[in-house]
Amino acid sequence: MAKTQTFGDKSKKVKDTSLNVKVIKGYRTDKGTTKYVTRFVKVADVAQVDKIDISK
């Protein structure tokens, strides 16, 4: 039985051009301590990093 997909077919797939960015946001608790929220977010361009909003 022959393979239906060759290695050449696999390499022609469209690559995702978006970037994975780790966003770290610090916030103060009611006690006055600082806690951090971290998220991985996909962005299309590096200029969009300033516009990312994550919440607790």
N, C-alpha and C. Protein backbone atom coordinates (compact mmCIF):
# COMPACT_ATOMS: atom_id res chain seq x y z
N MET A 1 0.84 -1.17 0.00
CA MET A 1 0.00 0.00 0.00
C MET A 1 0.89 1.24 0.00
N ALA A 2 0.64 2.15 -0.90
CA ALA A 2 1.49 3.33 -1.07
C ALA A 2 1.03 4.47 -0.17
N LYS A 3 1.97 5.32 0.18
CA LYS A 3 1.64 6.51 0.96
C LYS A 3 0.88 7.50 0.09
N THR A 4 -0.06 8.20 0.69
CA THR A 4 -0.82 9.19 -0.07
C THR A 4 -0.18 10.58 0.03
N GLN A 5 0.68 10.79 1.00
CA GLN A 5 1.30 12.09 1.17
C GLN A 5 2.82 11.90 1.25
N THR A 6 3.54 12.70 0.47
CA THR A 6 4.98 12.59 0.48
C THR A 6 5.58 13.66 1.38
N PHE A 7 6.86 13.58 1.60
CA PHE A 7 7.53 14.58 2.43
C PHE A 7 7.46 15.95 1.77
N GLY A 8 7.52 16.03 0.47
CA GLY A 8 7.43 17.30 -0.25
C GLY A 8 6.09 17.96 -0.04
N ASP A 9 5.02 17.18 0.05
CA ASP A 9 3.70 17.74 0.30
C ASP A 9 3.60 18.34 1.69
N LYS A 10 4.24 17.73 2.66
CA LYS A 10 4.20 18.22 4.03
C LYS A 10 4.93 19.56 4.18
N SER A 11 6.00 19.74 3.44
CA SER A 11 6.81 20.95 3.59
C SER A 11 6.19 22.16 2.92
N LYS A 12 5.17 21.99 2.11
CA LYS A 12 4.54 23.11 1.39
C LYS A 12 3.41 23.74 2.17
N LYS A 13 3.19 23.33 3.41
CA LYS A 13 2.11 23.89 4.21
C LYS A 13 2.40 25.36 4.52
N VAL A 14 1.33 26.12 4.66
CA VAL A 14 1.46 27.55 4.95
C VAL A 14 1.90 27.72 6.39
N LYS A 15 2.91 28.52 6.59
CA LYS A 15 3.42 28.75 7.93
C LYS A 15 2.68 29.94 8.57
N ASP A 16 2.45 29.84 9.84
CA ASP A 16 1.79 30.89 10.60
C ASP A 16 2.78 32.03 10.82
N THR A 17 2.42 33.25 10.43
CA THR A 17 3.34 34.38 10.53
C THR A 17 3.16 35.16 11.84
N SER A 18 2.21 34.77 12.67
CA SER A 18 2.01 35.49 13.91
C SER A 18 3.09 35.11 14.93
N LEU A 19 3.31 36.00 15.87
CA LEU A 19 4.33 35.81 16.89
C LEU A 19 3.68 35.45 18.22
N ASN A 20 4.31 34.58 18.98
CA ASN A 20 3.88 34.28 20.34
C ASN A 20 4.64 35.19 21.28
N VAL A 21 3.91 35.93 22.10
CA VAL A 21 4.52 36.89 23.02
C VAL A 21 4.06 36.56 24.43
N LYS A 22 4.98 36.57 25.37
CA LYS A 22 4.63 36.36 26.77
C LYS A 22 4.41 37.73 27.40
N VAL A 23 3.18 37.95 27.90
CA VAL A 23 2.81 39.22 28.50
C VAL A 23 2.74 39.03 30.00
N ILE A 24 3.42 39.88 30.74
CA ILE A 24 3.42 39.83 32.20
C ILE A 24 2.83 41.14 32.70
N LYS A 25 1.77 41.03 33.50
CA LYS A 25 1.11 42.22 34.03
C LYS A 25 1.14 42.15 35.55
N GLY A 26 1.60 43.21 36.18
CA GLY A 26 1.64 43.28 37.64
C GLY A 26 0.47 44.09 38.16
N TYR A 27 -0.06 43.67 39.30
CA TYR A 27 -1.15 44.42 39.93
C TYR A 27 -1.02 44.32 41.45
N ARG A 28 -1.60 45.30 42.14
CA ARG A 28 -1.56 45.34 43.60
C ARG A 28 -2.81 44.68 44.17
N THR A 29 -2.62 43.90 45.20
CA THR A 29 -3.75 43.28 45.89
C THR A 29 -4.25 44.23 46.97
N ASP A 30 -5.33 43.82 47.64
CA ASP A 30 -5.88 44.65 48.72
C ASP A 30 -4.92 44.76 49.89
N LYS A 31 -4.07 43.76 50.08
CA LYS A 31 -3.10 43.77 51.16
C LYS A 31 -1.89 44.65 50.86
N GLY A 32 -1.74 45.07 49.60
CA GLY A 32 -0.62 45.92 49.22
C GLY A 32 0.53 45.16 48.56
N THR A 33 0.39 43.85 48.43
CA THR A 33 1.44 43.08 47.77
C THR A 33 1.25 43.11 46.25
N THR A 34 2.30 42.81 45.54
CA THR A 34 2.25 42.80 44.09
C THR A 34 2.16 41.36 43.59
N LYS A 35 1.21 41.11 42.71
CA LYS A 35 1.07 39.80 42.08
C LYS A 35 1.17 39.99 40.57
N TYR A 36 1.51 38.91 39.89
CA TYR A 36 1.72 38.98 38.45
C TYR A 36 0.84 37.96 37.72
N VAL A 37 0.33 38.36 36.56
CA VAL A 37 -0.44 37.49 35.68
C VAL A 37 0.39 37.35 34.41
N THR A 38 0.63 36.11 33.98
CA THR A 38 1.38 35.88 32.75
C THR A 38 0.50 35.14 31.76
N ARG A 39 0.58 35.55 30.50
CA ARG A 39 -0.18 34.92 29.43
C ARG A 39 0.67 34.89 28.17
N PHE A 40 0.48 33.85 27.38
CA PHE A 40 1.06 33.81 26.05
C PHE A 40 -0.01 34.26 25.07
N VAL A 41 0.30 35.26 24.25
CA VAL A 41 -0.66 35.84 23.33
C VAL A 41 -0.05 35.84 21.93
N LYS A 42 -0.87 35.54 20.92
CA LYS A 42 -0.41 35.61 19.53
C LYS A 42 -0.71 37.00 18.99
N VAL A 43 0.28 37.63 18.38
CA VAL A 43 0.10 38.93 17.74
C VAL A 43 0.61 38.84 16.32
N ALA A 44 0.02 39.63 15.45
CA ALA A 44 0.43 39.61 14.06
C ALA A 44 1.69 40.44 13.83
N ASP A 45 1.88 41.49 14.65
CA ASP A 45 3.01 42.39 14.47
C ASP A 45 3.53 42.82 15.83
N VAL A 46 4.80 43.12 15.92
CA VAL A 46 5.42 43.53 17.18
C VAL A 46 4.83 44.85 17.67
N ALA A 47 4.37 45.70 16.76
CA ALA A 47 3.80 46.99 17.15
C ALA A 47 2.51 46.84 17.95
N GLN A 48 1.85 45.69 17.87
CA GLN A 48 0.60 45.47 18.59
C GLN A 48 0.82 45.09 20.05
N VAL A 49 2.03 44.91 20.47
CA VAL A 49 2.31 44.48 21.84
C VAL A 49 1.82 45.52 22.85
N ASP A 50 1.92 46.80 22.54
CA ASP A 50 1.48 47.84 23.46
C ASP A 50 -0.04 47.85 23.63
N LYS A 51 -0.78 47.31 22.68
CA LYS A 51 -2.24 47.33 22.71
C LYS A 51 -2.86 46.13 23.40
N ILE A 52 -2.06 45.18 23.85
CA ILE A 52 -2.57 43.96 24.48
C ILE A 52 -3.09 44.29 25.87
N ASP A 53 -4.29 43.78 26.17
CA ASP A 53 -4.87 43.99 27.50
C ASP A 53 -5.28 42.64 28.06
N ILE A 54 -4.64 42.26 29.17
CA ILE A 54 -5.02 41.02 29.87
C ILE A 54 -5.52 41.42 31.25
N SER A 55 -6.46 40.66 31.75
CA SER A 55 -7.01 40.96 33.07
C SER A 55 -6.78 39.77 34.00
N LYS A 56 -6.99 39.98 35.28
CA LYS A 56 -6.76 38.93 36.27
C LYS A 56 -7.66 37.77 36.09
